[in-house]
N, C-alpha and C. Protein backbone atom coordinates (compact mmCIF):
# COMPACT_ATOMS: atom_id res chain seq x y z
N UNK A 1 98.85 -25.21 -81.05
CA UNK A 1 98.30 -24.66 -82.12
C UNK A 1 98.81 -23.29 -82.45
N UNK A 2 99.43 -23.04 -83.66
CA UNK A 2 99.97 -21.69 -83.91
C UNK A 2 99.00 -20.59 -83.99
N UNK A 3 99.55 -19.38 -83.90
CA UNK A 3 98.76 -18.32 -84.24
C UNK A 3 98.11 -18.17 -85.55
N UNK A 4 97.03 -17.63 -85.69
CA UNK A 4 96.26 -17.50 -86.89
C UNK A 4 96.20 -16.06 -87.27
N UNK A 5 96.80 -15.60 -88.43
CA UNK A 5 96.71 -14.14 -88.71
C UNK A 5 95.75 -13.84 -89.78
N UNK A 6 94.77 -12.98 -89.55
CA UNK A 6 93.88 -12.47 -90.35
C UNK A 6 94.48 -11.46 -91.53
N UNK A 7 94.72 -11.92 -92.63
CA UNK A 7 95.49 -11.11 -93.58
C UNK A 7 94.62 -9.86 -93.99
N UNK A 8 93.40 -9.89 -93.82
CA UNK A 8 92.53 -8.72 -94.15
C UNK A 8 92.77 -7.58 -93.09
N UNK A 9 93.04 -7.94 -91.90
CA UNK A 9 93.08 -6.91 -90.75
C UNK A 9 94.54 -6.47 -90.56
N UNK A 10 95.58 -7.51 -90.81
CA UNK A 10 96.96 -7.10 -90.53
C UNK A 10 97.45 -6.07 -91.47
N UNK A 11 98.16 -5.07 -90.65
CA UNK A 11 98.87 -4.00 -91.44
C UNK A 11 100.30 -4.18 -91.59
N UNK A 12 100.89 -5.23 -91.15
CA UNK A 12 102.27 -5.36 -91.25
C UNK A 12 103.17 -4.63 -90.38
N UNK A 13 102.69 -4.25 -89.18
CA UNK A 13 103.44 -3.45 -88.37
C UNK A 13 104.63 -3.91 -87.73
N UNK A 14 104.43 -5.36 -87.44
CA UNK A 14 105.66 -6.09 -86.96
C UNK A 14 105.64 -6.16 -85.56
N UNK A 15 104.65 -5.73 -84.71
CA UNK A 15 104.59 -5.83 -83.23
C UNK A 15 104.63 -7.37 -82.76
N UNK A 16 103.98 -8.13 -83.51
CA UNK A 16 103.91 -9.47 -83.08
C UNK A 16 105.32 -10.22 -83.23
N UNK A 17 105.98 -9.75 -84.31
CA UNK A 17 107.20 -10.39 -84.61
C UNK A 17 108.32 -9.85 -83.53
N UNK A 18 108.15 -8.67 -83.16
CA UNK A 18 109.10 -8.07 -81.99
C UNK A 18 108.84 -8.69 -80.81
N UNK A 19 107.56 -8.98 -80.47
CA UNK A 19 107.09 -9.34 -79.10
C UNK A 19 107.29 -10.89 -78.79
N UNK A 20 107.27 -11.64 -79.90
CA UNK A 20 107.29 -13.12 -79.65
C UNK A 20 108.59 -13.57 -79.14
N UNK A 21 108.51 -14.23 -77.86
CA UNK A 21 109.70 -14.73 -77.17
C UNK A 21 110.18 -15.93 -77.67
N UNK A 22 109.40 -16.74 -78.35
CA UNK A 22 109.80 -17.94 -78.98
C UNK A 22 110.10 -17.84 -80.35
N UNK A 23 110.18 -16.59 -80.95
CA UNK A 23 110.54 -16.40 -82.49
C UNK A 23 109.80 -17.22 -83.48
N UNK A 24 108.45 -17.33 -83.27
CA UNK A 24 107.62 -17.95 -84.03
C UNK A 24 107.46 -17.46 -85.48
N UNK A 25 107.56 -16.22 -85.47
CA UNK A 25 107.62 -15.56 -86.88
C UNK A 25 108.84 -15.14 -87.44
N UNK A 26 109.93 -16.05 -87.28
CA UNK A 26 111.32 -15.82 -87.51
C UNK A 26 111.22 -15.70 -89.16
N UNK A 27 111.98 -14.59 -89.56
CA UNK A 27 112.17 -14.35 -91.14
C UNK A 27 111.14 -13.32 -91.68
N UNK A 28 110.14 -12.90 -90.84
CA UNK A 28 108.99 -12.11 -91.33
C UNK A 28 109.53 -10.69 -91.47
N UNK A 29 109.11 -9.98 -92.42
CA UNK A 29 109.64 -8.68 -92.76
C UNK A 29 108.51 -7.68 -92.43
N UNK A 30 109.09 -6.57 -92.03
CA UNK A 30 108.07 -5.36 -91.57
C UNK A 30 107.46 -4.87 -92.71
N UNK A 31 106.11 -4.45 -92.68
CA UNK A 31 105.41 -4.01 -93.83
C UNK A 31 104.76 -5.10 -94.54
N UNK A 32 104.93 -6.28 -94.23
CA UNK A 32 104.26 -7.42 -94.87
C UNK A 32 103.55 -8.31 -93.78
N UNK A 33 102.54 -9.05 -94.14
CA UNK A 33 101.94 -9.98 -93.23
C UNK A 33 102.97 -11.01 -92.66
N UNK A 34 103.02 -11.25 -91.33
CA UNK A 34 103.96 -12.06 -90.80
C UNK A 34 103.69 -13.66 -91.27
N UNK A 35 104.80 -14.26 -91.23
CA UNK A 35 104.69 -15.75 -91.66
C UNK A 35 104.96 -16.42 -90.35
N UNK A 36 104.24 -17.47 -90.14
CA UNK A 36 104.45 -18.35 -88.94
C UNK A 36 105.40 -19.51 -89.44
N UNK A 37 106.67 -19.25 -89.29
CA UNK A 37 107.82 -20.06 -89.57
C UNK A 37 107.81 -21.40 -88.78
N UNK A 38 107.62 -21.09 -87.41
CA UNK A 38 108.04 -22.39 -86.53
C UNK A 38 106.78 -22.42 -85.69
N UNK A 39 105.61 -22.96 -86.27
CA UNK A 39 104.20 -23.17 -85.41
C UNK A 39 104.48 -24.06 -84.16
N UNK A 40 105.34 -25.00 -84.15
CA UNK A 40 105.61 -25.82 -83.07
C UNK A 40 106.28 -25.22 -81.81
N UNK A 41 106.83 -24.12 -82.12
CA UNK A 41 107.52 -23.38 -81.12
C UNK A 41 106.62 -22.54 -80.25
N UNK A 42 105.37 -22.32 -80.75
CA UNK A 42 104.52 -21.39 -80.01
C UNK A 42 104.17 -22.02 -78.61
N UNK A 43 104.52 -20.97 -77.60
CA UNK A 43 104.20 -21.45 -76.14
C UNK A 43 102.86 -20.89 -75.64
N UNK A 44 102.14 -20.24 -76.52
CA UNK A 44 100.84 -19.71 -76.14
C UNK A 44 100.82 -18.84 -75.03
N UNK A 45 101.81 -17.90 -75.19
CA UNK A 45 102.00 -16.62 -74.07
C UNK A 45 101.01 -15.64 -74.30
N UNK A 46 100.43 -15.55 -75.61
CA UNK A 46 99.34 -14.73 -76.00
C UNK A 46 99.88 -13.30 -76.08
N UNK A 47 101.18 -12.95 -76.15
CA UNK A 47 101.67 -11.60 -76.30
C UNK A 47 101.27 -11.09 -77.64
N UNK A 48 101.43 -11.82 -78.59
CA UNK A 48 101.21 -11.37 -79.97
C UNK A 48 99.69 -10.92 -80.14
N UNK A 49 98.82 -11.70 -79.46
CA UNK A 49 97.34 -11.48 -79.68
C UNK A 49 96.96 -10.17 -78.92
N UNK A 50 97.53 -9.96 -77.68
CA UNK A 50 97.21 -9.00 -76.82
C UNK A 50 97.88 -7.68 -77.29
N UNK A 51 98.97 -7.71 -77.89
CA UNK A 51 99.69 -6.46 -78.27
C UNK A 51 99.31 -6.00 -79.69
N UNK A 52 98.57 -6.83 -80.55
CA UNK A 52 98.21 -6.62 -81.76
C UNK A 52 97.33 -5.36 -81.89
N UNK A 53 97.66 -4.22 -82.44
CA UNK A 53 96.96 -3.02 -82.55
C UNK A 53 95.58 -3.27 -83.41
N UNK A 54 95.66 -4.14 -84.40
CA UNK A 54 94.44 -4.41 -85.29
C UNK A 54 93.75 -5.54 -84.85
N UNK A 55 94.09 -6.36 -83.83
CA UNK A 55 93.24 -7.55 -83.33
C UNK A 55 93.23 -8.52 -84.45
N UNK A 56 94.35 -8.61 -85.25
CA UNK A 56 94.35 -9.60 -86.18
C UNK A 56 94.93 -10.96 -86.10
N UNK A 57 95.22 -11.26 -84.89
CA UNK A 57 95.76 -12.51 -84.50
C UNK A 57 94.88 -13.20 -83.43
N UNK A 58 94.64 -14.47 -83.87
CA UNK A 58 93.88 -15.38 -82.97
C UNK A 58 94.82 -16.41 -82.51
N UNK A 59 94.55 -17.02 -81.25
CA UNK A 59 95.48 -18.21 -80.78
C UNK A 59 94.42 -19.03 -80.31
N UNK A 60 94.49 -20.42 -80.87
CA UNK A 60 93.75 -21.47 -80.16
C UNK A 60 94.62 -22.30 -79.24
N UNK A 61 94.20 -22.01 -78.00
CA UNK A 61 95.19 -22.71 -76.86
C UNK A 61 94.65 -24.14 -76.71
N UNK A 62 95.74 -25.13 -76.79
CA UNK A 62 95.39 -26.52 -76.69
C UNK A 62 94.60 -26.79 -75.30
N UNK A 63 93.78 -27.84 -75.20
CA UNK A 63 92.86 -28.16 -74.18
C UNK A 63 93.80 -28.41 -72.84
N UNK A 64 94.88 -29.15 -72.77
CA UNK A 64 95.66 -29.33 -71.59
C UNK A 64 96.09 -27.90 -71.07
N UNK A 65 96.48 -27.14 -71.86
CA UNK A 65 96.90 -25.68 -71.36
C UNK A 65 95.62 -24.90 -70.85
N UNK A 66 94.49 -25.10 -71.48
CA UNK A 66 93.39 -24.37 -71.12
C UNK A 66 92.74 -24.72 -69.62
N UNK A 67 93.10 -25.99 -69.38
CA UNK A 67 92.75 -26.47 -68.01
C UNK A 67 93.60 -25.75 -66.77
N UNK A 68 94.74 -25.42 -67.24
CA UNK A 68 95.75 -24.71 -66.37
C UNK A 68 95.30 -23.25 -66.21
N UNK A 69 94.42 -22.69 -67.14
CA UNK A 69 94.03 -21.31 -66.94
C UNK A 69 92.96 -21.15 -65.95
N UNK A 70 92.14 -22.21 -65.92
CA UNK A 70 90.85 -22.26 -65.18
C UNK A 70 91.32 -22.02 -63.67
């Protein structure tokens, strides 16, 4: 499941674009709401969600991976 960005909260700071190890937000421009270009590449590291200063990103982790977190 790809990250979900709340466009009302996002300020376009680009922190999520810079921190994503899998380059899910490829091609996104600073100052604009990031675009999830490659949703299938998301490895659910949650870096973008944790580092977002506006709490504008939510990640739904798939069930098989949730079982690993427990």
